[in-house]
Amino acid sequence: MRYQEFQQELRQHFIFSANNIMDLLPGFNLNQLTRWQKKGYIVKIRNGLYCFSDLITIPYSSFLIANTIVPNSYISLESALSYYGIIPEGVTQTTSVSTYNSISYDTSCGIYSYRKIRNDIFFGYKFLSLEINFAGIQTITRKVLIAGKEKAILDFFYLNPQYNNDQEIYNLRINNHFVDENFSIRRMENYLKKINNKSLTKRVEILLKQTGK
């Protein structure tokens, strides 16, 4: 099969598995994938999971890949904080939380790390729409799960208890302007009640004090 024909069949998947391929193209020779990888047409994310190389150039496509690698997960921690402009630095890996054991995948299209949180605090996320257009197809919207501002902050401090005093939190150089019309202190307070962790509450109080809230 020619690559153009394969792309025509699979392009709306963007990220696809060997099972997806066999469902759409029974009898397809999976060895062809190795040849197309060498030519740079497709990228192997991990065993049995691939994407078209064009996808990697699309802003925040790493979020879609992260959601796909571990379905029961959402973008949070440094990746979400950077996305919202809460921390000044870019991040070198895509960070998520999930209810599974903590794990990291070093792939051809980046490093994807997942931190485990309890089932009862797996909340506070929302859908982010990604507009994807490549290979001459119409723009298609894909939704990814990402923590809201409030939960991204709480996830970070919950999983990084070493930031536990004024100086440590100040050294994070958090942008004080994160408290805006899209941020709700009341929502954060409700989340804190659900999590019910006194140490976390104290550290968040320090952060809000530093922002003048």
N, C-alpha and C. Protein backbone atom coordinates (compact mmCIF):
# COMPACT_ATOMS: atom_id res chain seq x y z
N MET A 1 0.85 -1.20 0.00
CA MET A 1 0.00 0.00 0.00
C MET A 1 0.88 1.24 0.00
N ARG A 2 0.50 2.22 -0.79
CA ARG A 2 1.23 3.49 -0.81
C ARG A 2 0.88 4.29 0.44
N TYR A 3 1.85 5.10 0.86
CA TYR A 3 1.65 5.89 2.08
C TYR A 3 0.47 6.84 1.94
N GLN A 4 0.30 7.45 0.77
CA GLN A 4 -0.79 8.40 0.56
C GLN A 4 -2.15 7.74 0.78
N GLU A 5 -2.26 6.50 0.35
CA GLU A 5 -3.52 5.76 0.54
C GLU A 5 -3.75 5.47 2.03
N PHE A 6 -2.68 5.10 2.69
CA PHE A 6 -2.77 4.84 4.13
C PHE A 6 -3.18 6.10 4.89
N GLN A 7 -2.54 7.20 4.54
CA GLN A 7 -2.85 8.47 5.20
C GLN A 7 -4.30 8.88 4.98
N GLN A 8 -4.79 8.64 3.79
CA GLN A 8 -6.18 8.96 3.46
C GLN A 8 -7.14 8.20 4.38
N GLU A 9 -6.83 6.97 4.68
CA GLU A 9 -7.70 6.14 5.52
C GLU A 9 -7.60 6.49 7.00
N LEU A 10 -6.39 6.87 7.45
CA LEU A 10 -6.16 7.03 8.89
C LEU A 10 -6.05 8.48 9.35
N ARG A 11 -6.03 9.44 8.45
CA ARG A 11 -5.65 10.80 8.82
C ARG A 11 -6.57 11.45 9.85
N GLN A 12 -7.85 11.05 9.89
CA GLN A 12 -8.73 11.66 10.88
C GLN A 12 -8.53 11.09 12.28
N HIS A 13 -7.75 10.02 12.37
CA HIS A 13 -7.44 9.48 13.70
C HIS A 13 -6.31 10.27 14.36
N PHE A 14 -5.38 10.81 13.56
CA PHE A 14 -4.22 11.53 14.04
C PHE A 14 -3.29 10.61 14.84
N ILE A 15 -3.83 10.02 15.91
CA ILE A 15 -3.10 9.04 16.69
C ILE A 15 -3.82 7.71 16.51
N PHE A 16 -3.07 6.66 16.19
CA PHE A 16 -3.75 5.41 15.85
C PHE A 16 -2.95 4.22 16.37
N SER A 17 -3.67 3.16 16.61
CA SER A 17 -3.06 1.93 17.10
C SER A 17 -3.02 0.90 15.99
N ALA A 18 -2.30 -0.18 16.25
CA ALA A 18 -2.27 -1.28 15.29
C ALA A 18 -3.67 -1.84 15.10
N ASN A 19 -4.46 -1.86 16.16
CA ASN A 19 -5.85 -2.34 16.05
C ASN A 19 -6.69 -1.44 15.16
N ASN A 20 -6.50 -0.11 15.28
CA ASN A 20 -7.21 0.82 14.39
C ASN A 20 -6.90 0.51 12.94
N ILE A 21 -5.62 0.27 12.67
CA ILE A 21 -5.19 -0.01 11.30
C ILE A 21 -5.86 -1.27 10.77
N MET A 22 -5.84 -2.33 11.56
CA MET A 22 -6.39 -3.61 11.09
C MET A 22 -7.90 -3.55 10.96
N ASP A 23 -8.57 -2.73 11.75
CA ASP A 23 -10.02 -2.56 11.61
C ASP A 23 -10.37 -1.90 10.28
N LEU A 24 -9.56 -0.89 9.90
CA LEU A 24 -9.85 -0.15 8.68
C LEU A 24 -9.23 -0.79 7.45
N LEU A 25 -8.10 -1.45 7.66
CA LEU A 25 -7.36 -2.02 6.51
C LEU A 25 -7.00 -3.47 6.80
N PRO A 26 -7.97 -4.36 6.77
CA PRO A 26 -7.69 -5.79 7.02
C PRO A 26 -6.62 -6.30 6.05
N GLY A 27 -5.69 -7.04 6.58
CA GLY A 27 -4.63 -7.59 5.74
C GLY A 27 -3.44 -6.66 5.56
N PHE A 28 -3.49 -5.47 6.18
CA PHE A 28 -2.37 -4.53 6.06
C PHE A 28 -1.11 -5.14 6.67
N ASN A 29 0.02 -4.97 5.99
CA ASN A 29 1.30 -5.48 6.46
C ASN A 29 1.90 -4.48 7.45
N LEU A 30 1.88 -4.82 8.74
CA LEU A 30 2.36 -3.90 9.77
C LEU A 30 3.85 -3.60 9.65
N ASN A 31 4.59 -4.43 8.93
CA ASN A 31 6.01 -4.15 8.71
C ASN A 31 6.22 -2.85 7.93
N GLN A 32 5.17 -2.44 7.20
CA GLN A 32 5.26 -1.20 6.43
C GLN A 32 5.44 0.00 7.37
N LEU A 33 4.91 -0.11 8.59
CA LEU A 33 5.02 0.99 9.55
C LEU A 33 6.48 1.30 9.87
N THR A 34 7.29 0.26 9.98
CA THR A 34 8.72 0.46 10.26
C THR A 34 9.39 1.22 9.14
N ARG A 35 9.05 0.91 7.91
CA ARG A 35 9.64 1.61 6.76
C ARG A 35 9.22 3.07 6.74
N TRP A 36 7.96 3.35 7.07
CA TRP A 36 7.48 4.73 7.08
C TRP A 36 8.05 5.52 8.25
N GLN A 37 8.35 4.83 9.34
CA GLN A 37 9.01 5.50 10.45
C GLN A 37 10.40 5.98 10.01
N LYS A 38 11.13 5.12 9.33
CA LYS A 38 12.47 5.47 8.88
C LYS A 38 12.45 6.64 7.90
N LYS A 39 11.37 6.76 7.14
CA LYS A 39 11.25 7.87 6.19
C LYS A 39 10.71 9.14 6.85
N GLY A 40 10.32 9.02 8.13
CA GLY A 40 9.83 10.20 8.85
C GLY A 40 8.37 10.52 8.62
N TYR A 41 7.62 9.60 8.04
CA TYR A 41 6.19 9.85 7.77
C TYR A 41 5.34 9.70 9.03
N ILE A 42 5.68 8.72 9.84
CA ILE A 42 4.94 8.47 11.06
C ILE A 42 5.92 8.33 12.22
N VAL A 43 5.40 8.47 13.42
CA VAL A 43 6.22 8.37 14.63
C VAL A 43 5.62 7.31 15.54
N LYS A 44 6.47 6.45 16.04
CA LYS A 44 6.01 5.46 17.01
C LYS A 44 6.05 6.09 18.40
N ILE A 45 4.88 6.21 19.02
CA ILE A 45 4.80 6.81 20.35
C ILE A 45 5.23 5.80 21.40
N ARG A 46 4.65 4.64 21.35
CA ARG A 46 5.05 3.50 22.19
C ARG A 46 4.54 2.26 21.50
N ASN A 47 4.75 1.09 22.07
CA ASN A 47 4.37 -0.14 21.40
C ASN A 47 2.91 -0.13 20.97
N GLY A 48 2.70 -0.28 19.66
CA GLY A 48 1.35 -0.38 19.12
C GLY A 48 0.62 0.93 18.98
N LEU A 49 1.28 2.08 19.23
CA LEU A 49 0.62 3.38 19.15
C LEU A 49 1.48 4.32 18.31
N TYR A 50 0.86 4.95 17.31
CA TYR A 50 1.58 5.78 16.35
C TYR A 50 0.84 7.09 16.11
N CYS A 51 1.56 8.03 15.50
CA CYS A 51 0.90 9.25 15.01
C CYS A 51 1.61 9.70 13.75
N PHE A 52 0.93 10.51 12.96
CA PHE A 52 1.57 11.11 11.79
C PHE A 52 2.56 12.17 12.27
N SER A 53 3.72 12.23 11.64
CA SER A 53 4.77 13.15 12.11
C SER A 53 4.31 14.60 12.06
N ASP A 54 3.38 14.93 11.14
CA ASP A 54 2.88 16.31 11.05
C ASP A 54 2.20 16.75 12.34
N LEU A 55 1.61 15.80 13.05
CA LEU A 55 0.85 16.15 14.25
C LEU A 55 1.73 16.81 15.30
N ILE A 56 2.99 16.40 15.37
CA ILE A 56 3.88 16.89 16.42
C ILE A 56 4.13 18.39 16.29
N THR A 57 3.98 18.94 15.09
CA THR A 57 4.24 20.36 14.89
C THR A 57 3.06 21.23 15.31
N ILE A 58 1.93 20.65 15.62
CA ILE A 58 0.73 21.41 15.98
C ILE A 58 0.79 21.79 17.45
N PRO A 59 0.54 23.08 17.78
CA PRO A 59 0.62 23.51 19.19
C PRO A 59 -0.24 22.65 20.11
N TYR A 60 0.35 22.24 21.19
CA TYR A 60 -0.30 21.46 22.25
C TYR A 60 -0.79 20.09 21.80
N SER A 61 -0.28 19.62 20.68
CA SER A 61 -0.62 18.25 20.29
C SER A 61 -0.10 17.25 21.31
N SER A 62 0.93 17.66 22.07
CA SER A 62 1.45 16.77 23.12
C SER A 62 0.38 16.48 24.16
N PHE A 63 -0.56 17.42 24.35
CA PHE A 63 -1.65 17.18 25.31
C PHE A 63 -2.54 16.05 24.82
N LEU A 64 -2.83 16.05 23.52
CA LEU A 64 -3.66 14.99 22.93
C LEU A 64 -2.95 13.64 23.04
N ILE A 65 -1.65 13.65 22.77
CA ILE A 65 -0.88 12.41 22.87
C ILE A 65 -0.87 11.90 24.31
N ALA A 66 -0.69 12.81 25.26
CA ALA A 66 -0.66 12.41 26.68
C ALA A 66 -1.98 11.79 27.10
N ASN A 67 -3.09 12.40 26.71
CA ASN A 67 -4.41 11.85 27.03
C ASN A 67 -4.60 10.47 26.43
N THR A 68 -4.00 10.25 25.26
CA THR A 68 -4.17 8.98 24.55
C THR A 68 -3.32 7.86 25.15
N ILE A 69 -2.10 8.19 25.55
CA ILE A 69 -1.23 7.17 26.13
C ILE A 69 -1.84 6.58 27.39
N VAL A 70 -2.34 7.45 28.27
CA VAL A 70 -3.03 7.01 29.49
C VAL A 70 -4.41 7.65 29.48
N PRO A 71 -5.43 6.92 29.04
CA PRO A 71 -6.77 7.51 28.87
C PRO A 71 -7.35 8.12 30.15
N ASN A 72 -7.17 7.48 31.29
CA ASN A 72 -7.74 7.99 32.54
C ASN A 72 -6.76 8.98 33.18
N SER A 73 -6.55 10.10 32.47
CA SER A 73 -5.59 11.10 32.94
C SER A 73 -6.01 12.46 32.43
N TYR A 74 -5.43 13.51 33.03
CA TYR A 74 -5.63 14.85 32.49
C TYR A 74 -4.34 15.65 32.67
N ILE A 75 -4.12 16.61 31.79
CA ILE A 75 -2.93 17.46 31.84
C ILE A 75 -2.98 18.29 33.12
N SER A 76 -1.88 18.34 33.85
CA SER A 76 -1.84 19.13 35.07
C SER A 76 -0.39 19.45 35.41
N LEU A 77 -0.18 19.85 36.67
CA LEU A 77 1.16 20.13 37.18
C LEU A 77 1.88 21.16 36.30
N GLU A 78 3.17 20.97 36.02
CA GLU A 78 3.93 22.00 35.31
C GLU A 78 3.38 22.32 33.93
N SER A 79 2.90 21.32 33.20
CA SER A 79 2.37 21.59 31.85
C SER A 79 1.16 22.50 31.89
N ALA A 80 0.24 22.24 32.81
CA ALA A 80 -0.95 23.09 32.91
C ALA A 80 -0.57 24.47 33.43
N LEU A 81 0.32 24.52 34.43
CA LEU A 81 0.72 25.81 34.98
C LEU A 81 1.41 26.66 33.91
N SER A 82 2.23 26.04 33.09
CA SER A 82 2.89 26.76 32.00
C SER A 82 1.87 27.20 30.95
N TYR A 83 0.93 26.34 30.61
CA TYR A 83 -0.10 26.67 29.64
C TYR A 83 -0.88 27.92 30.07
N TYR A 84 -1.19 28.02 31.35
CA TYR A 84 -1.95 29.16 31.86
C TYR A 84 -1.07 30.38 32.16
N GLY A 85 0.23 30.24 32.00
CA GLY A 85 1.13 31.35 32.28
C GLY A 85 1.34 31.58 33.77
N ILE A 86 1.05 30.58 34.58
CA ILE A 86 1.18 30.71 36.04
C ILE A 86 2.64 30.60 36.46
N ILE A 87 3.42 29.78 35.76
CA ILE A 87 4.86 29.72 35.97
C ILE A 87 5.54 30.22 34.71
N PRO A 88 6.69 30.87 34.85
CA PRO A 88 7.32 31.52 33.69
C PRO A 88 8.05 30.57 32.75
N GLU A 89 8.50 29.44 33.27
CA GLU A 89 9.33 28.56 32.45
C GLU A 89 8.50 27.67 31.53
N GLY A 90 9.08 27.35 30.38
CA GLY A 90 8.53 26.28 29.57
C GLY A 90 8.87 24.96 30.24
N VAL A 91 8.25 23.91 29.82
CA VAL A 91 8.51 22.61 30.44
C VAL A 91 9.08 21.66 29.40
N THR A 92 9.94 20.76 29.85
CA THR A 92 10.62 19.86 28.93
C THR A 92 9.89 18.54 28.75
N GLN A 93 8.83 18.32 29.52
CA GLN A 93 8.02 17.12 29.36
C GLN A 93 6.56 17.47 29.59
N THR A 94 5.70 16.60 29.11
CA THR A 94 4.26 16.81 29.28
C THR A 94 3.82 16.08 30.54
N THR A 95 3.26 16.85 31.48
CA THR A 95 2.93 16.29 32.79
C THR A 95 1.43 16.13 32.96
N SER A 96 1.05 15.01 33.53
CA SER A 96 -0.36 14.70 33.76
C SER A 96 -0.52 14.06 35.13
N VAL A 97 -1.77 13.96 35.57
CA VAL A 97 -2.08 13.14 36.75
C VAL A 97 -3.07 12.07 36.31
N SER A 98 -3.04 10.95 37.02
CA SER A 98 -3.94 9.86 36.72
C SER A 98 -4.21 9.08 38.00
N THR A 99 -5.11 8.13 37.91
CA THR A 99 -5.39 7.27 39.07
C THR A 99 -4.56 6.00 39.04
N TYR A 100 -3.69 5.88 38.03
CA TYR A 100 -2.80 4.72 37.94
C TYR A 100 -1.47 5.04 38.61
N ASN A 101 -0.61 4.06 38.72
CA ASN A 101 0.70 4.28 39.32
C ASN A 101 1.50 5.30 38.53
N SER A 102 2.33 6.06 39.23
CA SER A 102 3.18 7.05 38.57
C SER A 102 4.11 6.36 37.58
N ILE A 103 4.25 6.97 36.41
CA ILE A 103 5.06 6.37 35.35
C ILE A 103 5.48 7.46 34.37
N SER A 104 6.55 7.20 33.64
CA SER A 104 7.02 8.15 32.63
C SER A 104 7.35 7.39 31.36
N TYR A 105 7.00 7.98 30.21
CA TYR A 105 7.30 7.38 28.92
C TYR A 105 8.21 8.32 28.14
N ASP A 106 9.39 7.83 27.79
CA ASP A 106 10.33 8.60 26.97
C ASP A 106 10.14 8.15 25.52
N THR A 107 9.47 8.96 24.72
CA THR A 107 9.10 8.56 23.37
C THR A 107 9.82 9.39 22.32
N SER A 108 9.61 9.02 21.08
CA SER A 108 10.22 9.77 19.97
C SER A 108 9.63 11.16 19.82
N CYS A 109 8.47 11.40 20.43
CA CYS A 109 7.84 12.73 20.32
C CYS A 109 7.74 13.41 21.67
N GLY A 110 8.65 13.07 22.59
CA GLY A 110 8.70 13.76 23.86
C GLY A 110 8.56 12.83 25.06
N ILE A 111 8.75 13.41 26.23
CA ILE A 111 8.62 12.67 27.48
C ILE A 111 7.25 12.97 28.08
N TYR A 112 6.57 11.93 28.48
CA TYR A 112 5.22 12.06 29.06
C TYR A 112 5.24 11.43 30.45
N SER A 113 5.01 12.24 31.47
CA SER A 113 5.04 11.73 32.83
C SER A 113 3.67 11.83 33.47
N TYR A 114 3.37 10.88 34.33
CA TYR A 114 2.07 10.78 34.99
C TYR A 114 2.30 10.57 36.48
N ARG A 115 1.66 11.39 37.30
CA ARG A 115 1.73 11.24 38.74
C ARG A 115 0.39 10.72 39.25
N LYS A 116 0.47 9.80 40.19
CA LYS A 116 -0.75 9.19 40.71
C LYS A 116 -1.40 10.06 41.77
N ILE A 117 -2.74 10.20 41.67
CA ILE A 117 -3.52 10.82 42.73
C ILE A 117 -4.66 9.88 43.11
N ARG A 118 -5.23 10.10 44.27
CA ARG A 118 -6.32 9.25 44.74
C ARG A 118 -7.55 9.41 43.84
N ASN A 119 -8.34 8.35 43.77
CA ASN A 119 -9.56 8.38 42.96
C ASN A 119 -10.49 9.52 43.39
N ASP A 120 -10.56 9.77 44.70
CA ASP A 120 -11.53 10.76 45.18
C ASP A 120 -11.11 12.20 44.93
N ILE A 121 -9.86 12.42 44.48
CA ILE A 121 -9.48 13.79 44.13
C ILE A 121 -9.17 13.92 42.63
N PHE A 122 -9.65 12.96 41.87
CA PHE A 122 -9.53 13.04 40.41
C PHE A 122 -10.70 13.87 39.89
N PHE A 123 -10.58 15.17 40.01
CA PHE A 123 -11.64 16.09 39.57
C PHE A 123 -10.98 17.44 39.26
N GLY A 124 -11.81 18.41 38.89
CA GLY A 124 -11.28 19.75 38.65
C GLY A 124 -10.68 19.96 37.28
N TYR A 125 -10.99 19.07 36.34
CA TYR A 125 -10.47 19.20 34.97
C TYR A 125 -11.58 19.68 34.04
N LYS A 126 -11.19 20.08 32.85
CA LYS A 126 -12.14 20.57 31.86
C LYS A 126 -11.66 20.16 30.48
N PHE A 127 -12.48 20.44 29.49
CA PHE A 127 -12.09 20.13 28.11
C PHE A 127 -11.42 21.34 27.47
N LEU A 128 -10.31 21.09 26.79
CA LEU A 128 -9.63 22.08 25.98
C LEU A 128 -9.74 21.65 24.52
N SER A 129 -10.21 22.53 23.66
CA SER A 129 -10.39 22.19 22.25
C SER A 129 -9.12 22.48 21.46
N LEU A 130 -8.65 21.50 20.71
CA LEU A 130 -7.51 21.68 19.81
C LEU A 130 -8.01 21.67 18.38
N GLU A 131 -7.62 22.66 17.61
CA GLU A 131 -7.97 22.71 16.19
C GLU A 131 -6.83 22.10 15.39
N ILE A 132 -7.10 21.01 14.71
CA ILE A 132 -6.06 20.27 14.00
C ILE A 132 -6.34 20.29 12.50
N ASN A 133 -5.34 20.69 11.76
CA ASN A 133 -5.47 20.71 10.30
C ASN A 133 -4.11 20.37 9.70
N PHE A 134 -4.01 19.23 9.07
CA PHE A 134 -2.80 18.89 8.33
C PHE A 134 -3.16 17.88 7.24
N ALA A 135 -2.24 17.67 6.36
CA ALA A 135 -2.41 16.73 5.25
C ALA A 135 -3.60 17.10 4.37
N GLY A 136 -3.90 18.39 4.31
CA GLY A 136 -4.92 18.85 3.38
C GLY A 136 -6.34 18.51 3.76
N ILE A 137 -6.59 18.16 5.03
CA ILE A 137 -7.96 17.85 5.43
C ILE A 137 -8.57 19.07 6.10
N GLN A 138 -9.87 19.06 6.23
CA GLN A 138 -10.54 20.16 6.90
C GLN A 138 -10.15 20.16 8.38
N THR A 139 -10.29 21.34 9.00
CA THR A 139 -9.94 21.45 10.41
C THR A 139 -10.88 20.58 11.25
N ILE A 140 -10.28 19.80 12.13
CA ILE A 140 -11.04 18.92 13.01
C ILE A 140 -10.72 19.29 14.44
N THR A 141 -11.75 19.35 15.27
CA THR A 141 -11.57 19.69 16.68
C THR A 141 -11.43 18.42 17.50
N ARG A 142 -10.40 18.38 18.30
CA ARG A 142 -10.22 17.29 19.24
C ARG A 142 -10.17 17.89 20.64
N LYS A 143 -10.82 17.24 21.58
CA LYS A 143 -10.86 17.75 22.95
C LYS A 143 -9.90 16.96 23.83
N VAL A 144 -9.17 17.68 24.67
CA VAL A 144 -8.28 17.04 25.63
C VAL A 144 -8.67 17.49 27.03
N LEU A 145 -8.35 16.66 28.00
CA LEU A 145 -8.64 16.97 29.39
C LEU A 145 -7.45 17.69 30.02
N ILE A 146 -7.73 18.82 30.66
CA ILE A 146 -6.69 19.59 31.33
C ILE A 146 -7.26 20.13 32.63
N ALA A 147 -6.44 20.20 33.66
CA ALA A 147 -6.88 20.76 34.93
C ALA A 147 -7.23 22.23 34.75
N GLY A 148 -8.28 22.67 35.43
CA GLY A 148 -8.53 24.10 35.51
C GLY A 148 -7.41 24.74 36.32
N LYS A 149 -7.35 26.07 36.29
CA LYS A 149 -6.27 26.76 37.00
C LYS A 149 -6.19 26.34 38.47
N GLU A 150 -7.36 26.33 39.11
CA GLU A 150 -7.39 26.04 40.54
C GLU A 150 -6.83 24.64 40.84
N LYS A 151 -7.27 23.66 40.06
CA LYS A 151 -6.85 22.28 40.33
C LYS A 151 -5.40 22.05 39.92
N ALA A 152 -4.93 22.73 38.88
CA ALA A 152 -3.53 22.59 38.49
C ALA A 152 -2.61 23.02 39.63
N ILE A 153 -2.97 24.12 40.29
CA ILE A 153 -2.20 24.60 41.43
C ILE A 153 -2.26 23.60 42.58
N LEU A 154 -3.46 23.12 42.89
CA LEU A 154 -3.62 22.19 44.00
C LEU A 154 -2.89 20.87 43.72
N ASP A 155 -3.00 20.36 42.49
CA ASP A 155 -2.29 19.12 42.14
C ASP A 155 -0.79 19.30 42.34
N PHE A 156 -0.28 20.46 41.90
CA PHE A 156 1.16 20.70 42.00
C PHE A 156 1.61 20.69 43.46
N PHE A 157 0.93 21.42 44.32
CA PHE A 157 1.34 21.49 45.72
C PHE A 157 1.05 20.19 46.46
N TYR A 158 0.01 19.50 46.08
CA TYR A 158 -0.31 18.22 46.71
C TYR A 158 0.79 17.20 46.44
N LEU A 159 1.32 17.19 45.22
CA LEU A 159 2.32 16.20 44.82
C LEU A 159 3.75 16.68 45.02
N ASN A 160 3.91 17.93 45.44
CA ASN A 160 5.25 18.48 45.70
C ASN A 160 5.28 19.13 47.08
N PRO A 161 5.19 18.32 48.14
CA PRO A 161 5.09 18.87 49.50
C PRO A 161 6.36 19.59 49.96
N GLN A 162 7.44 19.51 49.18
CA GLN A 162 8.67 20.19 49.58
C GLN A 162 8.53 21.71 49.54
N TYR A 163 7.53 22.20 48.79
CA TYR A 163 7.27 23.64 48.78
C TYR A 163 6.33 23.96 49.94
N ASN A 164 6.93 24.19 51.11
CA ASN A 164 6.12 24.26 52.32
C ASN A 164 6.36 25.50 53.18
N ASN A 165 7.05 26.53 52.62
CA ASN A 165 7.22 27.77 53.38
C ASN A 165 7.27 28.95 52.41
N ASP A 166 7.29 30.14 52.98
CA ASP A 166 7.23 31.36 52.17
C ASP A 166 8.33 31.41 51.12
N GLN A 167 9.57 31.11 51.52
CA GLN A 167 10.69 31.24 50.59
C GLN A 167 10.62 30.22 49.48
N GLU A 168 10.31 28.97 49.81
CA GLU A 168 10.22 27.92 48.80
C GLU A 168 9.14 28.26 47.78
N ILE A 169 8.01 28.73 48.24
CA ILE A 169 6.90 29.06 47.33
C ILE A 169 7.24 30.31 46.52
N TYR A 170 7.89 31.28 47.16
CA TYR A 170 8.31 32.49 46.45
C TYR A 170 9.29 32.15 45.33
N ASN A 171 10.18 31.19 45.58
CA ASN A 171 11.19 30.82 44.59
C ASN A 171 10.59 30.18 43.33
N LEU A 172 9.32 29.75 43.39
CA LEU A 172 8.67 29.20 42.21
C LEU A 172 8.39 30.28 41.17
N ARG A 173 8.47 31.54 41.58
CA ARG A 173 8.23 32.69 40.69
C ARG A 173 6.86 32.59 40.00
N ILE A 174 5.87 32.27 40.80
CA ILE A 174 4.51 32.16 40.26
C ILE A 174 3.99 33.54 39.89
N ASN A 175 3.37 33.61 38.73
CA ASN A 175 2.81 34.87 38.22
C ASN A 175 1.59 35.24 39.06
N ASN A 176 1.67 36.34 39.78
CA ASN A 176 0.58 36.74 40.67
C ASN A 176 -0.71 37.08 39.92
N HIS A 177 -0.60 37.29 38.63
CA HIS A 177 -1.78 37.66 37.85
C HIS A 177 -2.66 36.46 37.49
N PHE A 178 -2.32 35.27 38.03
CA PHE A 178 -3.17 34.11 37.71
C PHE A 178 -4.55 34.25 38.33
N VAL A 179 -4.69 35.10 39.34
CA VAL A 179 -6.00 35.35 39.94
C VAL A 179 -6.70 36.38 39.08
N ASP A 180 -7.53 35.91 38.16
CA ASP A 180 -8.25 36.79 37.24
C ASP A 180 -9.69 36.33 37.12
N GLU A 181 -10.38 36.81 36.07
CA GLU A 181 -11.80 36.47 35.92
C GLU A 181 -12.02 34.98 35.64
N ASN A 182 -10.98 34.27 35.25
CA ASN A 182 -11.10 32.83 35.00
C ASN A 182 -10.68 31.98 36.19
N PHE A 183 -10.38 32.64 37.29
CA PHE A 183 -9.94 31.93 38.49
C PHE A 183 -10.90 32.24 39.63
N SER A 184 -11.27 31.20 40.37
CA SER A 184 -12.22 31.36 41.46
C SER A 184 -11.61 30.88 42.77
N ILE A 185 -11.41 31.83 43.70
CA ILE A 185 -10.90 31.44 45.02
C ILE A 185 -11.93 30.57 45.72
N ARG A 186 -13.20 30.87 45.55
CA ARG A 186 -14.24 30.04 46.18
C ARG A 186 -14.17 28.61 45.66
N ARG A 187 -13.96 28.44 44.35
CA ARG A 187 -13.86 27.10 43.79
C ARG A 187 -12.64 26.37 44.39
N MET A 188 -11.53 27.09 44.51
CA MET A 188 -10.35 26.48 45.10
C MET A 188 -10.61 26.08 46.55
N GLU A 189 -11.31 26.91 47.29
CA GLU A 189 -11.63 26.58 48.68
C GLU A 189 -12.51 25.34 48.76
N ASN A 190 -13.45 25.22 47.83
CA ASN A 190 -14.30 24.01 47.80
C ASN A 190 -13.47 22.77 47.48
N TYR A 191 -12.53 22.91 46.56
CA TYR A 191 -11.65 21.79 46.23
C TYR A 191 -10.83 21.39 47.46
N LEU A 192 -10.33 22.38 48.18
CA LEU A 192 -9.52 22.10 49.36
C LEU A 192 -10.33 21.34 50.41
N LYS A 193 -11.59 21.67 50.55
CA LYS A 193 -12.44 20.96 51.50
C LYS A 193 -12.59 19.49 51.10
N LYS A 194 -12.72 19.25 49.80
CA LYS A 194 -12.84 17.87 49.32
C LYS A 194 -11.55 17.08 49.56
N ILE A 195 -10.42 17.72 49.31
CA ILE A 195 -9.14 17.03 49.46
C ILE A 195 -8.83 16.80 50.94
N ASN A 196 -9.19 17.78 51.77
CA ASN A 196 -9.08 17.64 53.23
C ASN A 196 -7.65 17.31 53.67
N ASN A 197 -6.73 18.19 53.31
CA ASN A 197 -5.33 18.01 53.66
C ASN A 197 -4.84 19.33 54.27
N LYS A 198 -4.60 19.32 55.59
CA LYS A 198 -4.27 20.57 56.29
C LYS A 198 -2.97 21.17 55.79
N SER A 199 -1.99 20.33 55.50
CA SER A 199 -0.71 20.83 55.01
C SER A 199 -0.87 21.53 53.66
N LEU A 200 -1.67 20.92 52.78
CA LEU A 200 -1.93 21.53 51.48
C LEU A 200 -2.63 22.86 51.65
N THR A 201 -3.63 22.91 52.50
CA THR A 201 -4.37 24.15 52.73
C THR A 201 -3.44 25.25 53.20
N LYS A 202 -2.52 24.92 54.11
CA LYS A 202 -1.58 25.92 54.63
C LYS A 202 -0.69 26.46 53.53
N ARG A 203 -0.20 25.58 52.65
CA ARG A 203 0.69 26.02 51.58
C ARG A 203 -0.04 26.89 50.56
N VAL A 204 -1.29 26.56 50.28
CA VAL A 204 -2.08 27.37 49.36
C VAL A 204 -2.37 28.73 49.98
N GLU A 205 -2.59 28.78 51.28
CA GLU A 205 -2.81 30.05 51.96
C GLU A 205 -1.57 30.96 51.84
N ILE A 206 -0.38 30.36 51.93
CA ILE A 206 0.86 31.12 51.75
C ILE A 206 0.91 31.69 50.34
N LEU A 207 0.59 30.86 49.35
CA LEU A 207 0.60 31.31 47.96
C LEU A 207 -0.37 32.48 47.76
N LEU A 208 -1.59 32.36 48.24
CA LEU A 208 -2.58 33.42 48.05
C LEU A 208 -2.18 34.68 48.79
N LYS A 209 -1.55 34.53 49.92
CA LYS A 209 -1.06 35.70 50.67
C LYS A 209 -0.01 36.44 49.86
N GLN A 210 0.86 35.66 49.18
CA GLN A 210 1.90 36.29 48.37
C GLN A 210 1.33 37.03 47.17
N THR A 211 0.16 36.60 46.72
CA THR A 211 -0.48 37.29 45.58
C THR A 211 -1.32 38.48 46.05
N GLY A 212 -1.44 38.63 47.37
CA GLY A 212 -2.25 39.71 47.91
C GLY A 212 -3.70 39.38 48.03
N LYS A 213 -4.05 38.07 47.94
CA LYS A 213 -5.45 37.64 48.03
C LYS A 213 -5.75 37.01 49.38
